[in-house]
Structures are given as C-alpha cells and as structure tokens.
Protein backbone atom coordinates (compact mmCIF):
# COMPACT_ATOMS: atom_id res chain seq x y z
CA UNK A 1 26.69 32.23 126.40
CA UNK A 2 24.26 30.86 123.55
CA UNK A 3 20.76 32.23 125.35
CA UNK A 4 23.00 35.28 126.19
CA UNK A 5 23.61 35.60 122.17
CA UNK A 6 20.60 34.54 120.93
CA UNK A 7 18.99 37.22 123.26
CA UNK A 8 21.60 39.93 122.78
CA UNK A 9 20.89 39.30 118.26
CA UNK A 10 16.58 39.72 118.81
CA UNK A 11 17.32 43.05 120.56
CA UNK A 12 19.36 43.89 117.96
CA UNK A 13 16.68 43.12 115.96
CA UNK A 14 14.30 44.24 117.65
CA UNK A 15 15.75 47.93 117.68
CA UNK A 16 17.31 47.84 113.88
CA UNK A 17 13.10 46.74 113.38
CA UNK A 18 12.31 49.91 115.74
CA UNK A 19 14.28 52.84 114.09
CA UNK A 20 13.22 51.48 110.54
CA UNK A 21 9.58 51.13 111.36
CA UNK A 22 10.05 54.61 113.05
CA UNK A 23 11.55 55.72 109.91
CA UNK A 24 8.39 54.38 107.66
CA UNK A 25 6.37 56.16 110.01
CA UNK A 26 8.32 59.82 110.76
CA UNK A 27 8.09 59.40 106.52
CA UNK A 28 4.06 59.28 106.45
CA UNK A 29 2.84 61.20 109.70
CA UNK A 30 5.21 63.77 108.97
CA UNK A 31 4.70 65.32 105.50
CA UNK A 32 3.13 68.26 106.06
CA UNK A 33 -0.65 67.67 105.01
CA UNK A 34 -1.56 69.18 100.98
CA UNK A 35 -4.82 71.71 100.23
CA UNK A 36 -6.02 68.82 98.39
CA UNK A 37 -6.50 66.57 101.42
CA UNK A 38 -7.73 69.04 103.46
CA UNK A 39 -10.55 69.37 100.54
CA UNK A 40 -11.31 66.39 100.57
CA UNK A 41 -12.44 66.88 104.67
CA UNK A 42 -13.35 70.48 104.32
CA UNK A 43 -17.52 69.23 103.50
CA UNK A 44 -18.71 72.03 105.78
CA UNK A 45 -21.94 73.80 105.42
CA UNK A 46 -23.80 76.64 106.64
CA UNK A 47 -27.32 75.54 107.70
CA UNK A 48 -28.87 78.48 107.79
CA UNK A 49 -27.80 80.30 104.93
CA UNK A 50 -26.42 76.58 102.56
CA UNK A 51 -23.32 77.95 101.72
CA UNK A 52 -20.84 76.03 101.53
CA UNK A 53 -23.49 73.28 98.59
CA UNK A 54 -21.69 71.76 96.49
CA UNK A 55 -22.35 71.71 92.04
CA UNK A 56 -24.38 69.39 90.81
CA UNK A 57 -28.10 68.54 90.57
CA UNK A 58 -30.03 65.30 91.19
CA UNK A 59 -34.05 64.17 91.26
CA UNK A 60 -36.99 63.23 92.59
CA UNK A 61 -37.07 59.63 89.85
CA UNK A 62 -32.62 59.90 89.99
CA UNK A 63 -32.30 59.45 94.04
CA UNK A 64 -35.78 56.67 94.33
CA UNK A 65 -33.02 54.47 91.62
CA UNK A 66 -30.19 55.30 94.22
CA UNK A 67 -32.70 54.51 97.18
CA UNK A 68 -33.16 51.21 95.53
CA UNK A 69 -30.02 50.90 95.67
CA UNK A 70 -27.89 51.37 98.33
CA UNK A 71 -30.63 53.04 101.00
CA UNK A 72 -33.20 50.16 100.89
CA UNK A 73 -31.72 47.71 103.08
CA UNK A 74 -31.68 49.49 106.38
CA UNK A 75 -34.31 52.39 105.76
CA UNK A 76 -36.84 49.80 104.20
CA UNK A 77 -39.28 50.81 100.70
CA UNK A 78 -40.21 54.38 100.43
CA UNK A 79 -37.64 55.00 103.70
CA UNK A 80 -41.13 54.23 105.52
CA UNK A 81 -39.07 52.68 108.55
CA UNK A 82 -36.09 49.10 108.45
CA UNK A 83 -34.53 47.32 109.97
CA UNK A 84 -31.93 50.36 110.92
CA UNK A 85 -33.74 53.09 111.54
CA UNK A 86 -36.77 54.26 111.13
CA UNK A 87 -39.57 56.70 109.50
CA UNK A 88 -38.17 59.20 106.70
CA UNK A 89 -41.74 60.17 106.36
CA UNK A 90 -44.70 62.59 107.30
CA UNK A 91 -44.11 63.85 111.08
CA UNK A 92 -45.10 67.99 109.95
CA UNK A 93 -46.72 69.55 112.29
CA UNK A 94 -45.74 67.14 114.64
CA UNK A 95 -43.37 68.68 117.26
CA UNK A 96 -45.93 70.03 119.32
CA UNK A 97 -48.10 66.96 119.72
CA UNK A 98 -47.41 65.10 122.83
CA UNK A 99 -46.81 62.45 120.67
CA UNK A 100 -43.67 63.25 118.01
CA UNK A 101 -42.85 62.19 114.29
CA UNK A 102 -38.90 62.74 114.18
CA UNK A 103 -38.25 63.27 110.00
CA UNK A 104 -36.02 65.46 108.44
CA UNK A 105 -39.19 66.86 107.44
CA UNK A 106 -41.07 67.37 110.57
CA UNK A 107 -37.33 68.54 111.98
CA UNK A 108 -35.28 70.38 109.74
CA UNK A 109 -35.35 73.95 110.28
CA UNK A 110 -33.36 73.93 107.60
CA UNK A 111 -33.58 71.75 104.15
CA UNK A 112 -29.44 71.82 103.94
CA UNK A 113 -29.04 70.02 107.36
CA UNK A 114 -30.77 66.58 105.33
CA UNK A 115 -28.31 66.82 102.47
CA UNK A 116 -24.70 67.26 104.74
CA UNK A 117 -26.03 64.11 107.01
CA UNK A 118 -26.44 61.88 104.11
CA UNK A 119 -23.31 63.37 102.21
CA UNK A 120 -20.93 63.37 105.89
CA UNK A 121 -22.61 60.04 107.04
CA UNK A 122 -24.38 57.97 104.28
CA UNK A 123 -24.62 54.19 103.00
CA UNK A 124 -23.69 53.37 106.92
CA UNK A 125 -21.09 50.41 105.50
CA UNK A 126 -19.11 53.03 103.08
CA UNK A 127 -20.06 56.54 104.09
CA UNK A 128 -18.68 59.59 102.09
CA UNK A 129 -18.61 57.66 98.89
CA UNK A 130 -21.81 58.82 97.23
CA UNK A 131 -21.33 61.69 94.90
CA UNK A 132 -22.37 65.17 95.38
CA UNK A 133 -25.26 64.24 92.72
CA UNK A 134 -26.07 61.04 94.34
CA UNK A 135 -26.87 63.58 97.25
CA UNK A 136 -28.88 66.03 95.75
CA UNK A 137 -30.61 63.09 94.37
CA UNK A 138 -31.69 61.65 97.94
CA UNK A 139 -32.45 64.99 99.18
CA UNK A 140 -35.00 65.31 96.28
CA UNK A 141 -36.60 61.86 96.46
CA UNK A 142 -36.82 61.90 100.85
CA UNK A 143 -38.33 65.70 100.62
CA UNK A 144 -40.82 64.38 97.97
CA UNK A 145 -42.03 61.31 99.55
CA UNK A 146 -43.39 63.81 102.09
CA UNK A 147 -44.69 66.24 100.22
CA UNK A 148 -41.82 69.24 100.61
CA UNK A 149 -40.68 68.91 96.28
CA UNK A 150 -43.13 68.38 93.63
CA UNK A 151 -42.40 64.60 92.12
CA UNK A 152 -40.63 65.53 89.00
CA UNK A 153 -38.19 68.38 91.03
CA UNK A 154 -34.49 68.62 90.28
CA UNK A 155 -32.27 69.49 93.75
CA UNK A 156 -29.17 71.74 93.57
CA UNK A 157 -28.20 73.84 95.37
CA UNK A 158 -30.48 77.43 94.66
CA UNK A 159 -33.44 74.58 95.00
CA UNK A 160 -32.53 73.37 98.81
CA UNK A 161 -30.99 77.26 99.75
CA UNK A 162 -34.42 78.50 98.85
CA UNK A 163 -36.87 75.37 100.86
CA UNK A 164 -38.71 76.67 103.79
CA UNK A 165 -39.00 73.68 106.09
CA UNK A 166 -42.11 73.21 107.73
CA UNK A 167 -40.59 73.84 111.32
CA UNK A 168 -37.97 76.46 110.46
CA UNK A 169 -40.10 78.96 112.95
CA UNK A 170 -40.09 76.33 115.95
CA UNK A 171 -37.03 76.69 117.11
CA UNK A 172 -35.65 79.03 119.30
CA UNK A 173 -32.57 80.68 120.43
CA UNK A 174 -30.91 79.25 123.61
CA UNK A 175 -29.73 83.07 125.52
CA UNK A 176 -29.20 80.57 128.28
CA UNK A 177 -25.72 82.26 129.81
CA UNK A 178 -23.44 79.15 130.42
CA UNK A 179 -25.54 78.36 126.82
CA UNK A 180 -23.52 80.58 124.87
CA UNK A 181 -20.30 79.82 123.73
CA UNK A 182 -17.52 82.66 121.87
CA UNK A 183 -14.70 80.57 119.46
CA UNK A 184 -11.96 82.11 120.77
CA UNK A 185 -8.56 80.25 120.13
CA UNK A 186 -5.55 83.11 121.64
CA UNK A 187 -6.08 85.36 125.29
CA UNK A 188 -9.25 83.93 126.08
CA UNK A 189 -11.36 85.67 128.73
CA UNK A 190 -11.72 84.02 131.56
CA UNK A 191 -14.88 82.26 132.20
CA UNK A 192 -16.03 82.45 136.09
CA UNK A 193 -18.89 80.14 136.93
CA UNK A 194 -22.98 81.25 137.32
CA UNK A 195 -23.39 78.99 139.93
CA UNK A 196 -24.39 80.50 142.36
CA UNK A 197 -23.48 79.13 146.00
C-alpha cells in the first residue's frame, strides 16, 4: 500500500511538472516573432548586385588588426593558411589550370560573397559576432592581400559592388532542364520526370 502511495505521489508530481514545463514552453515558443527578431536573421545579400549590403565601412589597416586578433589562429599569418583553413590569398587565373588554387580572389565571381560568408560564419567559435565595420575591414584586408584593392583602400557597400572579380566571367549558366528551379509555393505545376526510358 505504501509503495502505491509513493508511486501515485511521484506520478502526480511528474504530471504537475510536465504541465508547468509545458506552460513555460508554450509561453516561450508560442509567441509571435517580432520584426526586430526577424531583422537579426534577415541578412541576405544579393551576390550579383550587392543588394542588401549594410551600412558601414572599414580600411585595409583596420582589417589587418582585426585579422591578427580574431582570425590568424585558424587562417595563419597574412591569410596564407593555418591549422584550420588553407590559403585565402592569390590563385588568380588558376581556375583553368590542372592545379587550381581555391581562394576568394580566384573563385568568387562577385566580391560581396566574401563579405556575406564572413558575416554569417566567422569567427568559427563565435559566428555573427563581427560588426559590419569589422567585416568590411576584413574584406578589404583579404582582397588587398591578393592585390584586388590597394593597401590604403576603404571598403564599403559601394566599393564592394564596384569591385570586379577576376573570375567573374569564368562561370556559365547551368541551363540543363533538371537543374532549373522555379520558386513556387501555391498551385505549382507538377514536375514531370526527365529520365528517358
């Protein structure tokens, strides 16, 4: 009899705990999200024209200091390669050679890709912790190491949009039927298989 009372008490306590916990979850996850909450994650940048690049600016010299503080441990001195990542410098013109060197200067068709990637993912141990000014400065520094901008350059949205990358024309449109995609969220046409029997 005593064990039944203990079991009933434990079940009742568990039920109350689950109810209270469920109420806390509903309060936390059942609220509408605010525009301010969305704005922190809505950081898309159009790579082809730089639309969405934020306000801010940074110089090559500022980028060198930030790189030494926050990036060198993974990327190595002057972004030449470190324990976590390979070189981010040079490689221009190597994409058509048998031994390609994959760097932002060699493979990115649009300059804003480096800004976007850095802002979203770096530093690895604290992504999205860099300010827009820091990201502009780091972008200026990285591109200066490959000679794409002068050593005294200041990078901002206008400068980034104007920077023509060396391999911009080295890409082709993938127009295969199976690679095309049209955004559709309602009344979408049925996709037919393209495999031939």
